[in-house]
PDB file of N, CA and C in Angstrom:
ATOM      1  N   MET A   1       3.768 -20.817 -14.664  1.00  0.00           N
ATOM      2  CA  MET A   1       3.633 -19.693 -13.742  1.00  0.00           C
ATOM      3  C   MET A   1       4.696 -18.654 -14.105  1.00  0.00           C
ATOM      4  N   PRO A   2       4.281 -17.447 -14.493  1.00  0.00           N
ATOM      5  CA  PRO A   2       5.266 -16.453 -14.933  1.00  0.00           C
ATOM      6  C   PRO A   2       6.112 -15.852 -13.812  1.00  0.00           C
ATOM      7  N   ILE A   3       5.618 -15.870 -12.576  1.00  0.00           N
ATOM      8  CA  ILE A   3       6.409 -15.314 -11.475  1.00  0.00           C
ATOM      9  C   ILE A   3       6.321 -16.247 -10.270  1.00  0.00           C
ATOM     10  N   GLY A   4       7.280 -16.113  -9.372  1.00  0.00           N
ATOM     11  CA  GLY A   4       7.321 -16.964  -8.192  1.00  0.00           C
ATOM     12  C   GLY A   4       6.535 -16.374  -7.027  1.00  0.00           C
ATOM     13  N   ILE A   5       6.418 -17.170  -5.986  1.00  0.00           N
ATOM     14  CA  ILE A   5       5.642 -16.770  -4.806  1.00  0.00           C
ATOM     15  C   ILE A   5       6.293 -15.584  -4.099  1.00  0.00           C
ATOM     16  N   PHE A   6       7.621 -15.538  -4.060  1.00  0.00           N
ATOM     17  CA  PHE A   6       8.292 -14.416  -3.385  1.00  0.00           C
ATOM     18  C   PHE A   6       8.081 -13.104  -4.139  1.00  0.00           C
ATOM     19  N   THR A   7       8.031 -13.192  -5.450  1.00  0.00           N
ATOM     20  CA  THR A   7       7.745 -11.994  -6.247  1.00  0.00           C
ATOM     21  C   THR A   7       6.319 -11.520  -5.998  1.00  0.00           C
ATOM     22  N   MET A   8       5.386 -12.469  -5.911  1.00  0.00           N
ATOM     23  CA  MET A   8       3.998 -12.112  -5.615  1.00  0.00           C
ATOM     24  C   MET A   8       3.874 -11.431  -4.250  1.00  0.00           C
ATOM     25  N   ILE A   9       4.562 -11.988  -3.263  1.00  0.00           N
ATOM     26  CA  ILE A   9       4.528 -11.398  -1.923  1.00  0.00           C
ATOM     27  C   ILE A   9       5.177 -10.019  -1.942  1.00  0.00           C
ATOM     28  N   GLY A  10       6.290  -9.882  -2.656  1.00  0.00           N
ATOM     29  CA  GLY A  10       6.959  -8.582  -2.758  1.00  0.00           C
ATOM     30  C   GLY A  10       6.071  -7.533  -3.417  1.00  0.00           C
ATOM     31  N   ILE A  11       5.362  -7.925  -4.472  1.00  0.00           N
ATOM     32  CA  ILE A  11       4.443  -6.993  -5.128  1.00  0.00           C
ATOM     33  C   ILE A  11       3.324  -6.598  -4.175  1.00  0.00           C
ATOM     34  N   TYR A  12       2.809  -7.569  -3.392  1.00  0.00           N
ATOM     35  CA  TYR A  12       1.741  -7.252  -2.436  1.00  0.00           C
ATOM     36  C   TYR A  12       2.231  -6.267  -1.369  1.00  0.00           C
ATOM     37  N   VAL A  13       3.433  -6.476  -0.857  1.00  0.00           N
ATOM     38  CA  VAL A  13       3.961  -5.578   0.184  1.00  0.00           C
ATOM     39  C   VAL A  13       4.105  -4.158  -0.356  1.00  0.00           C
ATOM     40  N   VAL A  14       4.618  -4.023  -1.569  1.00  0.00           N
ATOM     41  CA  VAL A  14       4.763  -2.688  -2.175  1.00  0.00           C
ATOM     42  C   VAL A  14       3.395  -2.046  -2.384  1.00  0.00           C
ATOM     43  N   VAL A  15       2.433  -2.836  -2.862  1.00  0.00           N
ATOM     44  CA  VAL A  15       1.073  -2.317  -3.068  1.00  0.00           C
ATOM     45  C   VAL A  15       0.455  -1.915  -1.736  1.00  0.00           C
ATOM     46  N   TRP A  16       0.644  -2.737  -0.696  1.00  0.00           N
ATOM     47  CA  TRP A  16       0.054  -2.444   0.619  1.00  0.00           C
ATOM     48  C   TRP A  16       0.572  -1.109   1.160  1.00  0.00           C
ATOM     49  N   TRP A  17       1.877  -0.895   1.109  1.00  0.00           N
ATOM     50  CA  TRP A  17       2.443   0.353   1.625  1.00  0.00           C
ATOM     51  C   TRP A  17       2.003   1.552   0.791  1.00  0.00           C
ATOM     52  N   THR A  18       1.911   1.376  -0.515  1.00  0.00           N
ATOM     53  CA  THR A  18       1.460   2.469  -1.370  1.00  0.00           C
ATOM     54  C   THR A  18       0.023   2.849  -1.056  1.00  0.00           C
ATOM     55  N   VAL A  19      -0.824   1.842  -0.888  1.00  0.00           N
ATOM     56  CA  VAL A  19      -2.230   2.098  -0.547  1.00  0.00           C
ATOM     57  C   VAL A  19      -2.332   2.717   0.848  1.00  0.00           C
ATOM     58  N   LEU A  20      -1.501   2.264   1.787  1.00  0.00           N
ATOM     59  CA  LEU A  20      -1.535   2.833   3.144  1.00  0.00           C
ATOM     60  C   LEU A  20      -1.286   4.335   3.112  1.00  0.00           C
ATOM     61  N   PHE A  21      -0.269   4.767   2.370  1.00  0.00           N
ATOM     62  CA  PHE A  21       0.024   6.197   2.324  1.00  0.00           C
ATOM     63  C   PHE A  21      -1.045   6.978   1.582  1.00  0.00           C
ATOM     64  N   GLY A  22      -1.828   6.307   0.751  1.00  0.00           N
ATOM     65  CA  GLY A  22      -2.965   6.968   0.114  1.00  0.00           C
ATOM     66  C   GLY A  22      -4.168   7.071   1.041  1.00  0.00           C
ATOM     67  N   ILE A  23      -4.314   6.103   1.963  1.00  0.00           N
ATOM     68  CA  ILE A  23      -5.488   6.071   2.844  1.00  0.00           C
ATOM     69  C   ILE A  23      -5.262   6.841   4.144  1.00  0.00           C
ATOM     70  N   LEU A  24      -4.030   6.957   4.599  1.00  0.00           N
ATOM     71  CA  LEU A  24      -3.768   7.618   5.887  1.00  0.00           C
ATOM     72  C   LEU A  24      -4.394   9.014   6.024  1.00  0.00           C
ATOM     73  N   PRO A  25      -4.321   9.884   5.018  1.00  0.00           N
ATOM     74  CA  PRO A  25      -4.888  11.218   5.231  1.00  0.00           C
ATOM     75  C   PRO A  25      -6.414  11.275   5.146  1.00  0.00           C
ATOM     76  N   LEU A  26      -7.066  10.213   4.693  1.00  0.00           N
ATOM     77  CA  LEU A  26      -8.521  10.240   4.575  1.00  0.00           C
ATOM     78  C   LEU A  26      -9.179  10.312   5.954  1.00  0.00           C
ATOM     79  N   GLY A  27     -10.174  11.138   6.082  1.00  0.00           N
ATOM     80  CA  GLY A  27     -10.917  11.252   7.328  1.00  0.00           C
ATOM     81  C   GLY A  27     -10.269  12.133   8.377  1.00  0.00           C
ATOM     82  N   MET A  28      -9.172  12.763   8.055  1.00  0.00           N
ATOM     83  CA  MET A  28      -8.527  13.652   9.012  1.00  0.00           C
ATOM     84  C   MET A  28      -9.174  15.030   8.934  1.00  0.00           C
ATOM     85  N   SER A  29      -9.433  15.594  10.066  1.00  0.00           N
ATOM     86  CA  SER A  29     -10.008  16.941  10.103  1.00  0.00           C
ATOM     87  C   SER A  29      -9.036  17.877  10.801  1.00  0.00           C
ATOM     88  N   GLN A  30      -9.183  19.130  10.513  1.00  0.00           N
ATOM     89  CA  GLN A  30      -8.341  20.138  11.153  1.00  0.00           C
ATOM     90  C   GLN A  30      -8.792  20.282  12.605  1.00  0.00           C
ATOM     91  N   GLU A  31      -7.873  20.075  13.509  1.00  0.00           N
ATOM     92  CA  GLU A  31      -8.196  20.186  14.927  1.00  0.00           C
ATOM     93  C   GLU A  31      -8.211  21.654  15.334  1.00  0.00           C
ATOM     94  N   SER A  32      -8.517  21.901  16.556  1.00  0.00           N
ATOM     95  CA  SER A  32      -8.629  23.273  17.050  1.00  0.00           C
ATOM     96  C   SER A  32      -7.281  23.995  16.947  1.00  0.00           C
ATOM     97  N   PRO A  33      -7.304  25.300  16.683  1.00  0.00           N
ATOM     98  CA  PRO A  33      -6.058  26.047  16.507  1.00  0.00           C
ATOM     99  C   PRO A  33      -5.355  26.394  17.827  1.00  0.00           C
ATOM    100  N   GLU A  34      -5.944  26.046  18.964  1.00  0.00           N
ATOM    101  CA  GLU A  34      -5.268  26.349  20.235  1.00  0.00           C
ATOM    102  C   GLU A  34      -4.077  25.419  20.437  1.00  0.00           C
ATOM    103  N   PRO A  35      -3.057  25.903  21.111  1.00  0.00           N
ATOM    104  CA  PRO A  35      -1.900  25.036  21.359  1.00  0.00           C
ATOM    105  C   PRO A  35      -2.288  23.874  22.283  1.00  0.00           C
ATOM    106  N   PRO A  36      -1.739  22.685  22.041  1.00  0.00           N
ATOM    107  CA  PRO A  36      -2.073  21.547  22.901  1.00  0.00           C
ATOM    108  C   PRO A  36      -1.487  21.726  24.298  1.00  0.00           C
ATOM    109  N   LYS A  37      -2.247  21.316  25.294  1.00  0.00           N
ATOM    110  CA  LYS A  37      -1.814  21.475  26.686  1.00  0.00           C
ATOM    111  C   LYS A  37      -1.371  20.158  27.304  1.00  0.00           C
ATOM    112  N   ASP A  38      -1.576  19.062  26.599  1.00  0.00           N
ATOM    113  CA  ASP A  38      -1.231  17.751  27.161  1.00  0.00           C
ATOM    114  C   ASP A  38       0.101  17.207  26.632  1.00  0.00           C
ATOM    115  N   GLY A  39       0.886  18.023  25.966  1.00  0.00           N
ATOM    116  CA  GLY A  39       2.176  17.595  25.447  1.00  0.00           C
ATOM    117  C   GLY A  39       2.107  16.995  24.055  1.00  0.00           C
ATOM    118  N   ALA A  40       0.949  17.002  23.440  1.00  0.00           N
ATOM    119  CA  ALA A  40       0.796  16.440  22.087  1.00  0.00           C
ATOM    120  C   ALA A  40       1.366  17.403  21.054  1.00  0.00           C
ATOM    121  N   GLN A  41       1.564  16.893  19.847  1.00  0.00           N
ATOM    122  CA  GLN A  41       2.052  17.716  18.758  1.00  0.00           C
ATOM    123  C   GLN A  41       0.905  18.509  18.140  1.00  0.00           C
ATOM    124  N   TRP A  42       1.218  19.625  17.503  1.00  0.00           N
ATOM    125  CA  TRP A  42       0.211  20.481  16.880  1.00  0.00           C
ATOM    126  C   TRP A  42      -0.576  19.742  15.808  1.00  0.00           C
ATOM    127  N   GLY A  43       0.109  19.006  14.963  1.00  0.00           N
ATOM    128  CA  GLY A  43      -0.552  18.379  13.815  1.00  0.00           C
ATOM    129  C   GLY A  43      -1.086  16.985  14.078  1.00  0.00           C
ATOM    130  N   ALA A  44      -0.911  16.470  15.293  1.00  0.00           N
ATOM    131  CA  ALA A  44      -1.351  15.104  15.580  1.00  0.00           C
ATOM    132  C   ALA A  44      -2.866  15.054  15.729  1.00  0.00           C
ATOM    133  N   PRO A  45      -3.529  14.126  15.005  1.00  0.00           N
ATOM    134  CA  PRO A  45      -4.980  14.015  15.143  1.00  0.00           C
ATOM    135  C   PRO A  45      -5.348  13.398  16.490  1.00  0.00           C
ATOM    136  N   LYS A  46      -6.514  13.774  17.009  1.00  0.00           N
ATOM    137  CA  LYS A  46      -6.952  13.217  18.301  1.00  0.00           C
ATOM    138  C   LYS A  46      -7.423  11.779  18.143  1.00  0.00           C
ATOM    139  N   THR A  47      -8.051  11.463  17.016  1.00  0.00           N
ATOM    140  CA  THR A  47      -8.511  10.099  16.758  1.00  0.00           C
ATOM    141  C   THR A  47      -8.007   9.657  15.383  1.00  0.00           C
ATOM    142  N   PRO A  48      -6.842   9.012  15.306  1.00  0.00           N
ATOM    143  CA  PRO A  48      -6.294   8.629  14.005  1.00  0.00           C
ATOM    144  C   PRO A  48      -6.993   7.428  13.355  1.00  0.00           C
ATOM    145  N   ASN A  49      -7.719   6.616  14.122  1.00  0.00           N
ATOM    146  CA  ASN A  49      -8.418   5.433  13.597  1.00  0.00           C
ATOM    147  C   ASN A  49      -7.488   4.514  12.805  1.00  0.00           C
ATOM    148  N   LEU A  50      -6.330   4.198  13.368  1.00  0.00           N
ATOM    149  CA  LEU A  50      -5.336   3.413  12.640  1.00  0.00           C
ATOM    150  C   LEU A  50      -5.790   1.985  12.363  1.00  0.00           C
ATOM    151  N   LYS A  51      -6.497   1.367  13.302  1.00  0.00           N
ATOM    152  CA  LYS A  51      -6.960  -0.009  13.085  1.00  0.00           C
ATOM    153  C   LYS A  51      -7.901  -0.070  11.879  1.00  0.00           C
ATOM    154  N   LYS A  52      -8.829   0.867  11.801  1.00  0.00           N
ATOM    155  CA  LYS A  52      -9.765   0.924  10.681  1.00  0.00           C
ATOM    156  C   LYS A  52      -9.022   1.182   9.375  1.00  0.00           C
ATOM    157  N   LYS A  53      -8.011   2.045   9.410  1.00  0.00           N
ATOM    158  CA  LYS A  53      -7.250   2.368   8.205  1.00  0.00           C
ATOM    159  C   LYS A  53      -6.390   1.189   7.760  1.00  0.00           C
ATOM    160  N   PHE A  54      -5.823   0.426   8.705  1.00  0.00           N
ATOM    161  CA  PHE A  54      -5.042  -0.751   8.336  1.00  0.00           C
ATOM    162  C   PHE A  54      -5.933  -1.827   7.721  1.00  0.00           C
ATOM    163  N   ILE A  55      -7.130  -2.013   8.252  1.00  0.00           N
ATOM    164  CA  ILE A  55      -8.065  -2.987   7.683  1.00  0.00           C
ATOM    165  C   ILE A  55      -8.488  -2.547   6.285  1.00  0.00           C
ATOM    166  N   THR A  56      -8.806  -1.271   6.127  1.00  0.00           N
ATOM    167  CA  THR A  56      -9.178  -0.754   4.807  1.00  0.00           C
ATOM    168  C   THR A  56      -8.021  -0.886   3.837  1.00  0.00           C
ATOM    169  N   THR A  57      -6.819  -0.589   4.285  1.00  0.00           N
ATOM    170  CA  THR A  57      -5.641  -0.717   3.438  1.00  0.00           C
ATOM    171  C   THR A  57      -5.460  -2.155   2.975  1.00  0.00           C
ATOM    172  N   THR A  58      -5.678  -3.105   3.863  1.00  0.00           N
ATOM    173  CA  THR A  58      -5.479  -4.512   3.526  1.00  0.00           C
ATOM    174  C   THR A  58      -6.431  -4.965   2.432  1.00  0.00           C
ATOM    175  N   TRP A  59      -7.719  -4.661   2.553  1.00  0.00           N
ATOM    176  CA  TRP A  59      -8.645  -5.167   1.523  1.00  0.00           C
ATOM    177  C   TRP A  59      -8.520  -4.400   0.217  1.00  0.00           C
ATOM    178  N   VAL A  60      -8.205  -3.108   0.280  1.00  0.00           N
ATOM    179  CA  VAL A  60      -7.987  -2.361  -0.968  1.00  0.00           C
ATOM    180  C   VAL A  60      -6.715  -2.863  -1.651  1.00  0.00           C
ATOM    181  N   ALA A  61      -5.670  -3.150  -0.872  1.00  0.00           N
ATOM    182  CA  ALA A  61      -4.423  -3.669  -1.434  1.00  0.00           C
ATOM    183  C   ALA A  61      -4.637  -5.049  -2.061  1.00  0.00           C
ATOM    184  N   VAL A  62      -5.485  -5.873  -1.466  1.00  0.00           N
ATOM    185  CA  VAL A  62      -5.781  -7.185  -2.055  1.00  0.00           C
ATOM    186  C   VAL A  62      -6.444  -7.007  -3.417  1.00  0.00           C
ATOM    187  N   LEU A  63      -7.395  -6.078  -3.531  1.00  0.00           N
ATOM    188  CA  LEU A  63      -8.060  -5.835  -4.805  1.00  0.00           C
ATOM    189  C   LEU A  63      -7.073  -5.333  -5.863  1.00  0.00           C
ATOM    190  N   VAL A  64      -6.212  -4.392  -5.480  1.00  0.00           N
ATOM    191  CA  VAL A  64      -5.219  -3.860  -6.421  1.00  0.00           C
ATOM    192  C   VAL A  64      -4.228  -4.954  -6.807  1.00  0.00           C
ATOM    193  N   TRP A  65      -3.814  -5.772  -5.834  1.00  0.00           N
ATOM    194  CA  TRP A  65      -2.873  -6.860  -6.097  1.00  0.00           C
ATOM    195  C   TRP A  65      -3.477  -7.882  -7.056  1.00  0.00           C
ATOM    196  N   ILE A  66      -4.737  -8.242  -6.854  1.00  0.00           N
ATOM    197  CA  ILE A  66      -5.414  -9.177  -7.767  1.00  0.00           C
ATOM    198  C   ILE A  66      -5.447  -8.593  -9.179  1.00  0.00           C
ATOM    199  N   PHE A  67      -5.743  -7.309  -9.292  1.00  0.00           N
ATOM    200  CA  PHE A  67      -5.763  -6.653 -10.596  1.00  0.00           C
ATOM    201  C   PHE A  67      -4.384  -6.728 -11.258  1.00  0.00           C
ATOM    202  N   ILE A  68      -3.330  -6.466 -10.495  1.00  0.00           N
ATOM    203  CA  ILE A  68      -1.968  -6.533 -11.030  1.00  0.00           C
ATOM    204  C   ILE A  68      -1.617  -7.961 -11.439  1.00  0.00           C
ATOM    205  N   MET A  69      -2.015  -8.952 -10.635  1.00  0.00           N
ATOM    206  CA  MET A  69      -1.735 -10.354 -10.975  1.00  0.00           C
ATOM    207  C   MET A  69      -2.461 -10.756 -12.254  1.00  0.00           C
ATOM    208  N   VAL A  70      -3.687 -10.291 -12.436  1.00  0.00           N
ATOM    209  CA  VAL A  70      -4.418 -10.584 -13.671  1.00  0.00           C
ATOM    210  C   VAL A  70      -3.687  -9.972 -14.857  1.00  0.00           C
ATOM    211  N   LEU A  71      -3.204  -8.741 -14.710  1.00  0.00           N
ATOM    212  CA  LEU A  71      -2.451  -8.106 -15.789  1.00  0.00           C
ATOM    213  C   LEU A  71      -1.177  -8.884 -16.123  1.00  0.00           C
ATOM    214  N   ILE A  72      -0.498  -9.382 -15.107  1.00  0.00           N
ATOM    215  CA  ILE A  72       0.739 -10.135 -15.330  1.00  0.00           C
ATOM    216  C   ILE A  72       0.438 -11.458 -16.023  1.00  0.00           C
ATOM    217  N   TYR A  73      -0.559 -12.192 -15.525  1.00  0.00           N
ATOM    218  CA  TYR A  73      -0.850 -13.519 -16.079  1.00  0.00           C
ATOM    219  C   TYR A  73      -1.488 -13.472 -17.463  1.00  0.00           C
ATOM    220  N   THR A  74      -2.151 -12.378 -17.807  1.00  0.00           N
ATOM    221  CA  THR A  74      -2.720 -12.275 -19.152  1.00  0.00           C
ATOM    222  C   THR A  74      -1.710 -11.733 -20.159  1.00  0.00           C
ATOM    223  N   GLY A  75      -0.587 -11.225 -19.688  1.00  0.00           N
ATOM    224  CA  GLY A  75       0.451 -10.736 -20.586  1.00  0.00           C
ATOM    225  C   GLY A  75       0.380  -9.242 -20.862  1.00  0.00           C
ATOM    226  N   TRP A  76      -0.558  -8.547 -20.265  1.00  0.00           N
ATOM    227  CA  TRP A  76      -0.667  -7.101 -20.466  1.00  0.00           C
ATOM    228  C   TRP A  76       0.428  -6.347 -19.724  1.00  0.00           C
ATOM    229  N   LEU A  77       0.988  -6.948 -18.691  1.00  0.00           N
ATOM    230  CA  LEU A  77       2.061  -6.334 -17.914  1.00  0.00           C
ATOM    231  C   LEU A  77       3.199  -7.347 -17.804  1.00  0.00           C
ATOM    232  N   PRO A  78       3.997  -7.483 -18.850  1.00  0.00           N
ATOM    233  CA  PRO A  78       5.068  -8.489 -18.803  1.00  0.00           C
ATOM    234  C   PRO A  78       6.201  -8.036 -17.885  1.00  0.00           C
ATOM    235  N   LEU A  79       6.732  -8.985 -17.141  1.00  0.00           N
ATOM    236  CA  LEU A  79       7.879  -8.715 -16.286  1.00  0.00           C
ATOM    237  C   LEU A  79       9.126  -9.276 -16.953  1.00  0.00           C
ATOM    238  N   PRO A  80      10.275  -8.641 -16.786  1.00  0.00           N
ATOM    239  CA  PRO A  80      11.499  -9.166 -17.401  1.00  0.00           C
ATOM    240  C   PRO A  80      11.914 -10.484 -16.750  1.00  0.00           C
ATOM    241  N   ASP A  81      12.489 -11.347 -17.531  1.00  0.00           N
ATOM    242  CA  ASP A  81      12.960 -12.637 -17.036  1.00  0.00           C
ATOM    243  C   ASP A  81      14.452 -12.532 -16.734  1.00  0.00           C
ATOM    244  N   PHE A  82      14.787 -12.396 -15.475  1.00  0.00           N
ATOM    245  CA  PHE A  82      16.179 -12.250 -15.072  1.00  0.00           C
ATOM    246  C   PHE A  82      16.858 -13.596 -14.834  1.00  0.00           C
ATOM    247  N   SER A  83      16.128 -14.697 -14.976  1.00  0.00           N
ATOM    248  CA  SER A  83      16.698 -16.007 -14.713  1.00  0.00           C
ATOM    249  C   SER A  83      17.542 -16.516 -15.874  1.00  0.00           C
ATOM    250  N   ARG A  84      17.347 -15.978 -17.070  1.00  0.00           N
ATOM    251  CA  ARG A  84      18.126 -16.415 -18.217  1.00  0.00           C
ATOM    252  C   ARG A  84      19.484 -15.726 -18.234  1.00  0.00           C
ATOM    253  N   ALA A  85      20.452 -16.402 -18.821  1.00  0.00           N
ATOM    254  CA  ALA A  85      21.800 -15.831 -18.931  1.00  0.00           C
ATOM    255  C   ALA A  85      21.755 -14.656 -19.910  1.00  0.00           C
ATOM    256  N   PRO A  86      22.540 -13.611 -19.644  1.00  0.00           N
ATOM    257  CA  PRO A  86      22.546 -12.468 -20.554  1.00  0.00           C
ATOM    258  C   PRO A  86      23.175 -12.834 -21.899  1.00  0.00           C
ATOM    259  N   ALA A  87      22.668 -12.199 -22.937  1.00  0.00           N
ATOM    260  CA  ALA A  87      23.221 -12.446 -24.276  1.00  0.00           C
ATOM    261  C   ALA A  87      24.573 -11.761 -24.400  1.00  0.00           C
ATOM    262  N   VAL A  88      25.524 -12.497 -24.911  1.00  0.00           N
ATOM    263  CA  VAL A  88      26.890 -11.962 -25.040  1.00  0.00           C
ATOM    264  C   VAL A  88      27.127 -11.498 -26.439  1.00  0.00           C
TER     265      VAL A  88
END
């Protein structure tokens, strides 16, 4: 096994957050130009659909993570081995 379980989990977390920031702006529309009267912010969407976006982020991140793991295990994306002592 070229990498440990904690490294795999760390790669998944980084991939998940990266995919989340790519998916968050999808489906957002420009709201009305009138100032909000209920105390909301100007740029805040009325329906952010966060649950749907988190679910989409999770399955897209799993696909990207599997692709990265295949690259690592086939040797196309080698990771440095920090467990060996440095050469003096």
